[in-house]
Protein backbone atom coordinates (compact mmCIF):
# COMPACT_ATOMS: atom_id res chain seq x y z
CA MET A 1 5.05 7.15 9.83
CA ILE A 2 4.80 6.27 6.17
CA GLU A 3 6.03 2.79 5.19
CA PHE A 4 8.85 2.21 2.71
CA ILE A 5 8.63 -0.69 0.22
CA PHE A 6 11.93 -1.43 -1.51
CA MET A 7 11.31 -2.83 -4.97
CA LEU A 8 13.95 -5.12 -6.48
CA THR A 9 13.16 -3.63 -9.86
CA ARG A 10 14.46 -1.28 -12.51
CA ASP A 11 12.21 0.31 -15.14
CA ASP A 12 9.26 -1.84 -14.02
CA MET A 13 11.14 -5.13 -14.42
CA THR A 14 12.36 -7.39 -11.62
CA LEU A 15 16.14 -7.56 -11.51
CA THR A 16 17.62 -10.74 -12.94
CA ASN A 17 19.91 -10.86 -9.89
CA ALA A 18 17.18 -9.88 -7.44
CA ARG A 19 18.02 -12.61 -4.93
CA GLU A 20 21.65 -11.51 -4.78
CA VAL A 21 20.68 -7.85 -4.37
CA TYR A 22 18.17 -8.72 -1.67
CA ALA A 23 20.76 -10.74 0.26
CA SER A 24 23.04 -7.68 0.24
CA ILE A 25 20.42 -5.42 1.90
CA ALA A 26 18.48 -7.88 4.07
CA GLY A 27 19.95 -6.35 7.22
CA SER A 28 19.52 -2.73 6.16
CA GLY A 29 16.40 -2.07 8.23
CA VAL A 30 13.96 -2.38 5.33
CA THR A 31 10.96 -4.50 6.33
CA HIS A 32 8.79 -4.31 3.17
CA VAL A 33 10.32 -5.72 -0.03
CA GLY A 34 8.77 -6.35 -3.41
CA CYS A 35 9.22 -7.03 -7.10
CA LYS A 36 7.27 -6.95 -10.34
CA ASP A 37 5.43 -9.80 -12.03
CA VAL A 38 7.76 -9.58 -15.03
CA GLY A 39 11.50 -10.18 -15.29
CA LEU A 40 11.99 -13.52 -13.55
CA PRO A 41 10.84 -17.07 -14.34
CA ARG A 42 8.21 -18.43 -11.95
CA ALA A 43 10.65 -20.68 -10.06
CA GLU A 44 13.08 -17.82 -9.42
CA LEU A 45 10.26 -15.50 -8.40
CA THR A 46 9.06 -18.12 -5.91
CA ALA A 47 12.58 -18.52 -4.51
CA LEU A 48 12.91 -14.74 -4.15
CA MET A 49 9.68 -14.51 -2.19
CA GLU A 50 10.82 -17.34 0.04
CA ASP A 51 14.10 -15.50 0.70
CA ILE A 52 12.22 -12.36 1.73
CA ARG A 53 9.78 -14.22 3.96
CA GLY A 54 12.66 -16.17 5.47
CA ASN A 55 14.03 -12.92 6.89
CA GLY A 56 10.65 -12.01 8.38
CA HIS A 57 10.05 -9.26 5.83
CA THR A 58 6.71 -8.40 4.24
CA THR A 59 6.42 -9.37 0.56
CA HIS A 60 4.86 -7.34 -2.26
CA LEU A 61 4.25 -8.44 -5.85
CA GLU A 62 3.33 -5.64 -8.25
CA VAL A 63 1.44 -6.44 -11.44
CA VAL A 64 2.57 -4.32 -14.41
CA SER A 65 1.43 -6.67 -17.17
CA GLU A 66 -0.32 -4.76 -19.95
CA THR A 67 -2.95 -7.26 -21.13
CA PRO A 68 -5.89 -8.74 -19.20
CA GLU A 69 -4.67 -12.25 -20.02
CA ASP A 70 -1.19 -11.59 -18.62
CA THR A 71 -2.66 -9.86 -15.57
CA LEU A 72 -4.76 -12.91 -14.75
CA THR A 73 -1.76 -15.19 -15.30
CA SER A 74 0.16 -13.10 -12.78
CA ALA A 75 -2.73 -13.25 -10.33
CA ARG A 76 -2.76 -17.05 -10.59
CA ALA A 77 0.98 -17.08 -9.95
CA ALA A 78 0.47 -14.85 -6.92
CA ALA A 79 -2.20 -17.21 -5.56
CA GLU A 80 0.40 -19.99 -5.66
CA ILE A 81 3.42 -18.00 -4.48
CA GLY A 82 1.51 -16.19 -1.72
CA PRO A 83 2.94 -12.66 -1.35
CA ASP A 84 1.53 -10.68 1.54
CA TYR A 85 0.42 -7.97 -0.87
CA LEU A 86 -0.61 -8.09 -4.53
CA ILE A 87 -0.37 -4.52 -5.80
CA GLY A 88 -1.08 -3.00 -9.18
CA GLY A 89 -3.03 -4.34 -12.10
CA THR A 90 -6.25 -2.78 -13.35
CA LEU A 91 -8.58 -5.78 -13.14
CA ILE A 92 -10.41 -6.11 -9.84
CA GLU A 93 -13.21 -8.70 -9.69
CA PRO A 94 -11.44 -11.42 -11.71
CA VAL A 95 -8.30 -11.03 -9.60
CA GLN A 96 -10.34 -11.10 -6.40
CA GLU A 97 -11.85 -14.40 -7.50
CA ILE A 98 -8.42 -15.89 -8.15
CA ILE A 99 -6.88 -14.86 -4.81
CA ALA A 100 -9.99 -15.46 -2.68
CA GLY A 101 -9.14 -17.39 0.48
CA THR A 102 -5.39 -16.89 0.16
CA GLY A 103 -5.10 -14.05 2.67
CA ILE A 104 -3.29 -11.90 0.09
CA LYS A 105 -4.09 -8.18 0.43
CA PHE A 106 -5.00 -6.58 -2.89
CA PHE A 107 -4.14 -2.97 -3.84
CA PRO A 108 -5.06 -2.41 -7.53
CA TYR A 109 -4.09 0.58 -9.64
CA VAL A 110 -6.64 3.35 -10.16
CA GLY A 111 -6.97 5.63 -13.17
CA GLN A 112 -5.91 4.97 -16.75
CA ILE A 113 -2.62 3.05 -16.89
CA VAL A 114 -0.66 3.29 -20.13
CA GLY A 115 2.64 1.96 -21.39
CA HIS A 116 5.57 0.20 -19.74
CA PRO A 117 7.07 1.58 -17.56
CA CYS A 118 3.54 2.42 -16.45
CA LEU A 119 2.17 5.96 -16.62
CA LEU A 120 -1.01 7.33 -15.02
CA ARG A 121 -3.48 9.35 -17.05
CA GLY A 122 -7.02 10.73 -16.63
CA SER A 123 -8.43 13.65 -14.71
CA ILE A 124 -8.01 13.90 -10.95
CA GLU A 125 -11.79 13.58 -10.56
CA GLU A 126 -11.85 10.40 -12.65
CA ILE A 127 -8.98 8.84 -10.72
CA ALA A 128 -10.57 9.68 -7.35
CA GLU A 129 -13.86 8.18 -8.53
CA ASP A 130 -11.99 5.05 -9.60
CA ALA A 131 -10.63 4.80 -6.05
CA ARG A 132 -14.17 5.00 -4.68
CA ARG A 133 -15.28 2.26 -7.06
CA ALA A 134 -12.38 0.05 -6.03
CA GLU A 135 -13.28 0.48 -2.37
CA SER A 136 -16.91 -0.40 -3.10
CA LEU A 137 -15.68 -3.68 -4.61
CA GLY A 138 -13.94 -4.64 -1.38
CA VAL A 139 -10.24 -4.24 -2.19
CA ASP A 140 -7.78 -3.81 0.67
CA GLY A 141 -6.10 -0.64 -0.56
CA ILE A 142 -5.16 1.52 -3.54
CA ASN A 143 -1.94 1.58 -5.56
CA LEU A 144 -1.51 5.09 -6.99
CA LEU A 145 1.12 5.92 -9.62
CA ALA A 146 1.40 9.40 -8.15
CA TYR A 147 4.68 10.59 -9.65
CA ARG A 148 3.90 8.93 -12.99
CA TYR A 149 1.13 11.53 -13.40
CA ASP A 150 1.66 14.51 -15.72
CA LYS A 151 -0.45 17.09 -13.89
CA ASP A 152 -0.67 18.31 -10.25
CA VAL A 153 0.64 15.37 -8.22
CA ASN A 154 -0.06 16.88 -4.81
CA ALA A 155 -3.66 17.61 -5.78
CA LEU A 156 -4.02 14.09 -7.14
CA VAL A 157 -2.73 12.48 -3.96
CA GLU A 158 -4.96 14.63 -1.77
CA ALA A 159 -8.00 13.77 -3.87
CA VAL A 160 -7.40 10.03 -3.83
CA VAL A 161 -6.55 9.85 -0.12
CA GLY A 162 -9.64 11.95 0.59
CA ALA A 163 -11.87 9.83 -1.64
CA THR A 164 -11.35 6.56 0.22
CA SER A 165 -10.85 5.21 3.72
CA LEU A 166 -8.40 2.63 2.37
CA PRO A 167 -4.60 2.78 2.72
CA VAL A 168 -2.85 4.17 -0.35
CA ILE A 169 0.52 3.10 -1.76
CA ALA A 170 2.31 5.66 -3.94
CA ALA A 171 4.31 3.74 -6.53
CA GLY A 172 6.73 4.85 -9.21
CA SER A 173 9.31 7.64 -9.51
CA VAL A 174 9.56 8.47 -5.80
CA ASP A 175 13.15 9.66 -6.02
CA SER A 176 13.83 12.17 -3.24
CA PRO A 177 13.26 12.80 0.48
CA GLU A 178 11.14 15.77 -0.56
CA ARG A 179 8.74 13.55 -2.47
CA ILE A 180 8.58 11.12 0.46
CA GLN A 181 7.75 14.00 2.79
CA ALA A 182 5.06 15.30 0.44
CA LEU A 183 3.41 11.86 0.38
CA ASN A 184 3.67 11.53 4.14
CA GLU A 185 2.09 14.95 4.67
CA ARG A 186 -0.87 13.90 2.54
CA GLY A 187 -1.67 10.73 4.42
CA VAL A 188 -0.23 8.10 2.08
CA TRP A 189 0.29 4.77 3.84
CA ALA A 190 3.36 3.57 1.92
CA PHE A 191 5.61 4.34 -1.04
CA THR A 192 7.81 2.23 -3.29
CA ILE A 193 11.33 2.93 -4.51
CA GLY A 194 13.32 0.73 -6.88
CA THR A 195 15.28 2.38 -9.68
CA ALA A 196 16.10 5.54 -7.70
CA ALA A 197 17.83 3.54 -4.97
CA LEU A 198 19.56 1.14 -7.33
CA ASP A 199 20.88 4.04 -9.43
CA GLY A 200 22.09 6.00 -6.38
CA VAL A 201 19.76 8.96 -6.84
CA LEU A 202 18.91 9.51 -3.16
CA VAL A 203 22.48 9.77 -1.83
CA GLU A 204 25.09 10.87 -4.34
CA GLY A 205 27.92 8.35 -4.35
CA GLY A 206 26.27 6.30 -1.62
CA SER A 207 25.96 2.53 -1.48
CA LEU A 208 22.62 0.78 -1.95
CA VAL A 209 22.29 0.36 1.82
CA GLU A 210 22.88 4.09 2.24
CA GLN A 211 20.17 4.80 -0.34
CA LEU A 212 17.72 2.65 1.60
CA ARG A 213 18.61 4.19 4.92
CA CYS A 214 18.03 7.63 3.42
CA ALA A 215 14.53 6.56 2.38
CA LEU A 216 13.86 5.04 5.81
CA ASP A 217 15.02 8.22 7.54
CA ALA A 218 12.80 10.34 5.31
CA ALA A 219 9.86 8.05 6.04
CA ALA A 220 10.44 8.34 9.79
CA ALA A 221 10.70 12.15 9.77
CA VAL A 222 8.01 13.86 11.82
CA VAL A 223 5.47 15.66 9.65
């Protein structure tokens, strides 16, 4: 079964009312919850992570900062806040040094990341090779912007999953049960959904809890 990570984010920014939204869905059945490194002041981000942990849920912090300096600032914040997973970001060794000894699992982006919201560019071969390089550096997994890619997404996912023994998270623009199924069929470990659930894309006219349950049901479907 593929894992579902609900992101309290819209357009690659953490919601300003993320704590309130999380409280409304804490009992929905979602067990992995995350946010981005931009959108909330440090104190509010810390409080949000504490809320999530307080319900026994697994925490994810995704780095979408565009500059190396901001990425390292976010990594330092993560080392203090202590999410279970630090996902995203394109720097590897400097981030590994910052979070060493914290127990945080690190899933960096692979490929060429451009813009905000983040897009994935580069050839499939280059992205797969980047995944191999990341594994050789000792990361815990790969964060792949699969549906932010402008070519053959299925071929990309197959290449990256086949290039590494590490678990792969598919992040960004997963907006239908069909896309969840396609990722599940190709051996992806987990996927993230934020905007699509918040905007009611998965279940027309459905509540946020219904959106999340739709994603959970799709994740649990037998391949």
